[in-house]
């Protein structure tokens, strides 16, 4: 009898928001704290200063999918939301097969 391989499905959610805050550097630190509080981590950060000395911090965090809604709510509470979007991507793979782009701990690389 043939044994069918079990499949696993994972949803990756992405949020992209522009939020106006009084102190961009402090907000960047708050974002990292939010990620850690929700069981995630900071995976990237950059800062840019424009010609009028306004600072723009871009922060990328990763949190477990079940905490995504909490993360978005906490991030939106940091300041005035200028714009934003949310998207998702479904990944499906068979157990026992290597899934490209995913480390052993389950976090996408």
N, C-alpha and C. Protein backbone atom coordinates (compact mmCIF):
# COMPACT_ATOMS: atom_id res chain seq x y z
N UNK A 1 0.84 -1.18 0.00
CA UNK A 1 0.00 0.00 0.00
C UNK A 1 0.88 1.23 0.00
N UNK A 2 0.49 2.18 -0.78
CA UNK A 2 1.25 3.43 -0.87
C UNK A 2 0.96 4.31 0.35
N UNK A 3 2.00 4.92 0.85
CA UNK A 3 1.86 5.83 1.98
C UNK A 3 1.94 7.25 1.43
N UNK A 4 0.92 8.02 1.71
CA UNK A 4 0.89 9.40 1.23
C UNK A 4 1.63 10.30 2.22
N UNK A 5 2.50 11.15 1.71
CA UNK A 5 3.25 12.07 2.56
C UNK A 5 2.32 13.15 3.11
N UNK A 6 2.47 13.44 4.38
CA UNK A 6 1.66 14.50 5.01
C UNK A 6 2.15 15.85 4.51
N UNK A 7 1.22 16.76 4.31
CA UNK A 7 1.60 18.10 3.87
C UNK A 7 1.40 19.09 5.00
N UNK A 8 2.19 20.13 4.97
CA UNK A 8 2.12 21.20 5.96
C UNK A 8 1.87 22.50 5.21
N UNK A 9 1.03 23.33 5.78
CA UNK A 9 0.73 24.62 5.18
C UNK A 9 1.06 25.71 6.19
N UNK A 10 1.73 26.73 5.72
CA UNK A 10 2.10 27.86 6.56
C UNK A 10 1.69 29.14 5.84
N UNK A 11 1.11 30.06 6.57
CA UNK A 11 0.74 31.36 6.01
C UNK A 11 1.75 32.40 6.51
N UNK A 12 2.33 33.13 5.58
CA UNK A 12 3.24 34.21 5.91
C UNK A 12 2.49 35.52 5.66
N UNK A 13 2.35 36.32 6.72
CA UNK A 13 1.67 37.60 6.61
C UNK A 13 2.72 38.71 6.55
N UNK A 14 2.43 39.74 5.76
CA UNK A 14 3.33 40.88 5.64
C UNK A 14 2.51 42.16 5.81
N UNK A 15 3.00 43.05 6.65
CA UNK A 15 2.39 44.36 6.83
C UNK A 15 3.44 45.41 6.48
N UNK A 16 3.01 46.43 5.76
CA UNK A 16 3.90 47.52 5.37
C UNK A 16 3.19 48.83 5.70
N UNK A 17 3.68 49.52 6.73
CA UNK A 17 3.03 50.74 7.21
C UNK A 17 4.02 51.89 7.26
N UNK A 18 3.52 53.09 6.97
CA UNK A 18 4.27 54.31 7.22
C UNK A 18 3.57 54.98 8.40
N UNK A 19 4.32 55.17 9.47
CA UNK A 19 3.76 55.73 10.71
C UNK A 19 4.60 56.95 11.09
N UNK A 20 3.93 58.07 11.26
CA UNK A 20 4.61 59.30 11.67
C UNK A 20 4.72 59.32 13.19
N UNK A 21 5.95 59.50 13.67
CA UNK A 21 6.21 59.54 15.13
C UNK A 21 7.08 60.76 15.44
N UNK A 22 7.11 61.13 16.71
CA UNK A 22 7.93 62.27 17.13
C UNK A 22 9.41 61.94 17.14
N UNK A 23 9.77 60.73 17.55
CA UNK A 23 11.17 60.33 17.67
C UNK A 23 11.36 58.99 16.96
N UNK A 24 11.91 59.04 15.75
CA UNK A 24 12.04 57.83 14.92
C UNK A 24 12.94 56.79 15.57
N UNK A 25 14.03 57.23 16.18
CA UNK A 25 14.96 56.28 16.80
C UNK A 25 14.31 55.57 17.98
N UNK A 26 13.60 56.32 18.81
CA UNK A 26 12.91 55.71 19.96
C UNK A 26 11.82 54.75 19.47
N UNK A 27 11.11 55.14 18.40
CA UNK A 27 10.07 54.27 17.86
C UNK A 27 10.67 52.97 17.33
N UNK A 28 11.86 53.07 16.71
CA UNK A 28 12.54 51.86 16.24
C UNK A 28 12.84 50.90 17.38
N UNK A 29 13.26 51.45 18.52
CA UNK A 29 13.52 50.63 19.70
C UNK A 29 12.22 50.02 20.23
N UNK A 30 11.13 50.79 20.19
CA UNK A 30 9.83 50.27 20.64
C UNK A 30 9.37 49.12 19.75
N UNK A 31 9.62 49.24 18.44
CA UNK A 31 9.23 48.17 17.51
C UNK A 31 9.97 46.88 17.86
N UNK A 32 11.25 46.99 18.14
CA UNK A 32 12.03 45.81 18.51
C UNK A 32 11.47 45.19 19.80
N UNK A 33 11.11 46.03 20.76
CA UNK A 33 10.55 45.54 22.03
C UNK A 33 9.22 44.83 21.78
N UNK A 34 8.39 45.37 20.89
CA UNK A 34 7.11 44.74 20.56
C UNK A 34 7.35 43.36 19.96
N UNK A 35 8.30 43.26 19.05
CA UNK A 35 8.61 41.97 18.42
C UNK A 35 9.00 40.94 19.48
N UNK A 36 9.90 41.32 20.39
CA UNK A 36 10.35 40.40 21.44
C UNK A 36 9.19 40.00 22.36
N UNK A 37 8.35 40.99 22.70
CA UNK A 37 7.21 40.72 23.57
C UNK A 37 6.27 39.68 22.96
N UNK A 38 6.19 39.66 21.64
CA UNK A 38 5.28 38.74 20.95
C UNK A 38 5.97 37.47 20.48
N UNK A 39 7.18 37.23 20.96
CA UNK A 39 7.89 35.99 20.62
C UNK A 39 8.63 36.05 19.30
N UNK A 40 8.88 37.25 18.80
CA UNK A 40 9.57 37.42 17.52
C UNK A 40 10.92 38.09 17.70
N UNK A 41 11.40 38.69 16.63
CA UNK A 41 12.71 39.32 16.67
C UNK A 41 12.83 40.38 15.58
N UNK A 42 13.81 41.25 15.73
CA UNK A 42 14.14 42.26 14.74
C UNK A 42 14.99 41.60 13.67
N UNK A 43 14.58 41.71 12.41
CA UNK A 43 15.38 41.07 11.35
C UNK A 43 16.04 42.09 10.43
N UNK A 44 15.73 43.37 10.61
CA UNK A 44 16.41 44.39 9.80
C UNK A 44 16.01 45.78 10.24
N UNK A 45 16.94 46.72 10.09
CA UNK A 45 16.65 48.10 10.44
C UNK A 45 17.59 49.02 9.68
N UNK A 46 17.05 50.12 9.18
CA UNK A 46 17.88 51.13 8.52
C UNK A 46 17.32 52.50 8.84
N UNK A 47 18.19 53.53 8.79
CA UNK A 47 17.74 54.89 9.03
C UNK A 47 18.24 55.79 7.91
N UNK A 48 17.36 56.71 7.52
CA UNK A 48 17.70 57.66 6.48
C UNK A 48 17.32 59.05 6.98
N UNK A 49 18.17 60.03 6.72
CA UNK A 49 17.89 61.42 7.08
C UNK A 49 17.75 62.21 5.78
N UNK A 50 16.62 62.94 5.65
CA UNK A 50 16.41 63.70 4.42
C UNK A 50 17.00 65.10 4.52
N UNK A 51 16.82 65.89 3.47
CA UNK A 51 17.42 67.23 3.40
C UNK A 51 16.87 68.21 4.44
N UNK A 52 15.70 67.92 5.02
CA UNK A 52 15.14 68.78 6.07
C UNK A 52 15.39 68.21 7.47
N UNK A 53 16.33 67.27 7.56
CA UNK A 53 16.74 66.63 8.81
C UNK A 53 15.66 65.75 9.43
N UNK A 54 14.67 65.33 8.64
CA UNK A 54 13.68 64.35 9.11
C UNK A 54 14.31 62.97 9.03
N UNK A 55 14.11 62.18 10.07
CA UNK A 55 14.65 60.82 10.10
C UNK A 55 13.57 59.83 9.72
N UNK A 56 13.95 58.88 8.90
CA UNK A 56 13.03 57.80 8.52
C UNK A 56 13.70 56.49 8.87
N UNK A 57 13.05 55.75 9.76
CA UNK A 57 13.58 54.45 10.18
C UNK A 57 12.71 53.37 9.55
N UNK A 58 13.33 52.43 8.88
CA UNK A 58 12.64 51.28 8.32
C UNK A 58 13.03 50.08 9.17
N UNK A 59 12.02 49.41 9.70
CA UNK A 59 12.26 48.29 10.60
C UNK A 59 11.51 47.06 10.08
N UNK A 60 12.18 45.94 10.09
CA UNK A 60 11.55 44.66 9.71
C UNK A 60 11.61 43.75 10.92
N UNK A 61 10.45 43.26 11.32
CA UNK A 61 10.39 42.30 12.42
C UNK A 61 9.72 41.04 11.93
N UNK A 62 9.96 39.97 12.65
CA UNK A 62 9.29 38.70 12.37
C UNK A 62 8.64 38.24 13.66
N UNK A 63 7.37 37.91 13.57
CA UNK A 63 6.62 37.41 14.72
C UNK A 63 5.85 36.17 14.28
N UNK A 64 5.52 35.28 15.22
CA UNK A 64 4.71 34.12 14.86
C UNK A 64 3.38 34.57 14.24
N UNK A 65 2.88 33.82 13.27
CA UNK A 65 1.67 34.23 12.54
C UNK A 65 0.48 34.44 13.47
N UNK A 66 0.39 33.68 14.54
CA UNK A 66 -0.75 33.84 15.45
C UNK A 66 -0.68 35.15 16.24
N UNK A 67 0.46 35.83 16.21
CA UNK A 67 0.63 37.11 16.90
C UNK A 67 0.61 38.30 15.92
N UNK A 68 0.40 38.03 14.64
CA UNK A 68 0.46 39.07 13.62
C UNK A 68 -0.51 40.22 13.90
N UNK A 69 -1.76 39.91 14.19
CA UNK A 69 -2.76 40.94 14.47
C UNK A 69 -2.38 41.81 15.65
N UNK A 70 -1.86 41.18 16.71
CA UNK A 70 -1.39 41.93 17.89
C UNK A 70 -0.24 42.87 17.51
N UNK A 71 0.68 42.36 16.68
CA UNK A 71 1.82 43.18 16.27
C UNK A 71 1.36 44.40 15.48
N UNK A 72 0.46 44.20 14.54
CA UNK A 72 -0.03 45.32 13.73
C UNK A 72 -0.71 46.36 14.62
N UNK A 73 -1.55 45.91 15.54
CA UNK A 73 -2.26 46.85 16.43
C UNK A 73 -1.27 47.66 17.27
N UNK A 74 -0.25 47.00 17.82
CA UNK A 74 0.73 47.70 18.65
C UNK A 74 1.58 48.67 17.82
N UNK A 75 1.93 48.29 16.61
CA UNK A 75 2.72 49.16 15.77
C UNK A 75 1.93 50.39 15.35
N UNK A 76 0.67 50.20 15.01
CA UNK A 76 -0.18 51.33 14.60
C UNK A 76 -0.39 52.31 15.75
N UNK A 77 -0.28 51.83 16.98
CA UNK A 77 -0.48 52.70 18.16
C UNK A 77 0.75 53.57 18.45
N UNK A 78 1.85 53.36 17.73
CA UNK A 78 3.07 54.14 17.98
C UNK A 78 2.98 55.58 17.48
N UNK A 79 2.07 55.86 16.57
CA UNK A 79 1.99 57.21 16.02
C UNK A 79 0.84 57.33 15.04
N UNK A 80 0.95 58.30 14.16
CA UNK A 80 -0.09 58.56 13.16
C UNK A 80 0.18 57.71 11.91
N UNK A 81 -0.78 56.85 11.57
CA UNK A 81 -0.64 55.99 10.39
C UNK A 81 -0.86 56.84 9.14
N UNK A 82 0.15 56.90 8.28
CA UNK A 82 0.08 57.66 7.03
C UNK A 82 -0.50 56.76 5.93
N UNK A 83 0.02 55.57 5.81
CA UNK A 83 -0.54 54.58 4.87
C UNK A 83 -0.09 53.19 5.31
N UNK A 84 -0.69 52.18 4.70
CA UNK A 84 -0.33 50.82 5.07
C UNK A 84 -1.02 49.78 4.23
N UNK A 85 -0.48 48.60 4.25
CA UNK A 85 -1.09 47.47 3.54
C UNK A 85 -0.72 46.17 4.25
N UNK A 86 -1.56 45.17 4.05
CA UNK A 86 -1.33 43.83 4.60
C UNK A 86 -1.52 42.84 3.46
N UNK A 87 -0.63 41.86 3.40
CA UNK A 87 -0.77 40.79 2.40
C UNK A 87 -0.40 39.46 3.06
N UNK A 88 -0.72 38.38 2.37
CA UNK A 88 -0.36 37.05 2.89
C UNK A 88 0.06 36.15 1.74
N UNK A 89 0.81 35.13 2.10
CA UNK A 89 1.28 34.16 1.13
C UNK A 89 1.19 32.78 1.77
N UNK A 90 0.58 31.84 1.09
CA UNK A 90 0.47 30.47 1.60
C UNK A 90 1.62 29.63 1.06
N UNK A 91 2.27 28.91 1.96
CA UNK A 91 3.33 27.98 1.59
C UNK A 91 2.88 26.58 1.98
N UNK A 92 3.01 25.64 1.08
CA UNK A 92 2.64 24.26 1.36
C UNK A 92 3.80 23.36 0.96
N UNK A 93 4.13 22.40 1.81
CA UNK A 93 5.19 21.46 1.50
C UNK A 93 4.89 20.12 2.14
N UNK A 94 5.54 19.08 1.62
CA UNK A 94 5.37 17.73 2.17
C UNK A 94 6.39 17.50 3.26
N UNK A 95 5.94 16.84 4.34
CA UNK A 95 6.87 16.51 5.43
C UNK A 95 7.98 15.61 4.89
N UNK A 96 9.16 15.86 5.40
CA UNK A 96 10.30 15.07 4.97
C UNK A 96 11.03 15.70 3.81
N UNK A 97 10.42 16.70 3.18
CA UNK A 97 11.07 17.41 2.08
C UNK A 97 11.63 18.72 2.62
N UNK A 98 12.75 19.10 2.13
CA UNK A 98 13.31 20.39 2.54
C UNK A 98 12.47 21.51 1.95
N UNK A 99 12.17 22.50 2.75
CA UNK A 99 11.43 23.65 2.26
C UNK A 99 12.41 24.78 2.01
N UNK A 100 12.54 25.24 0.77
CA UNK A 100 13.50 26.30 0.47
C UNK A 100 13.22 27.55 1.30
N UNK A 101 14.29 28.17 1.81
CA UNK A 101 14.16 29.44 2.51
C UNK A 101 13.72 29.35 3.96
N UNK A 102 13.64 28.13 4.53
CA UNK A 102 13.23 28.01 5.92
C UNK A 102 14.33 27.30 6.69
N UNK A 103 14.77 27.93 7.78
CA UNK A 103 15.80 27.34 8.62
C UNK A 103 15.18 26.25 9.50
N UNK A 104 16.01 25.50 10.15
CA UNK A 104 15.54 24.40 10.99
C UNK A 104 14.59 24.84 12.09
N UNK A 105 14.74 26.08 12.60
CA UNK A 105 13.89 26.53 13.70
C UNK A 105 12.50 26.95 13.22
N UNK A 106 12.25 26.86 11.90
CA UNK A 106 10.93 27.16 11.38
C UNK A 106 10.74 28.58 10.90
N UNK A 107 11.71 29.48 11.18
CA UNK A 107 11.59 30.85 10.72
C UNK A 107 12.07 30.94 9.29
N UNK A 108 11.34 31.67 8.43
CA UNK A 108 11.82 31.87 7.06
C UNK A 108 13.16 32.58 7.10
N UNK A 109 14.04 32.24 6.18
CA UNK A 109 15.35 32.88 6.14
C UNK A 109 15.33 34.11 5.26
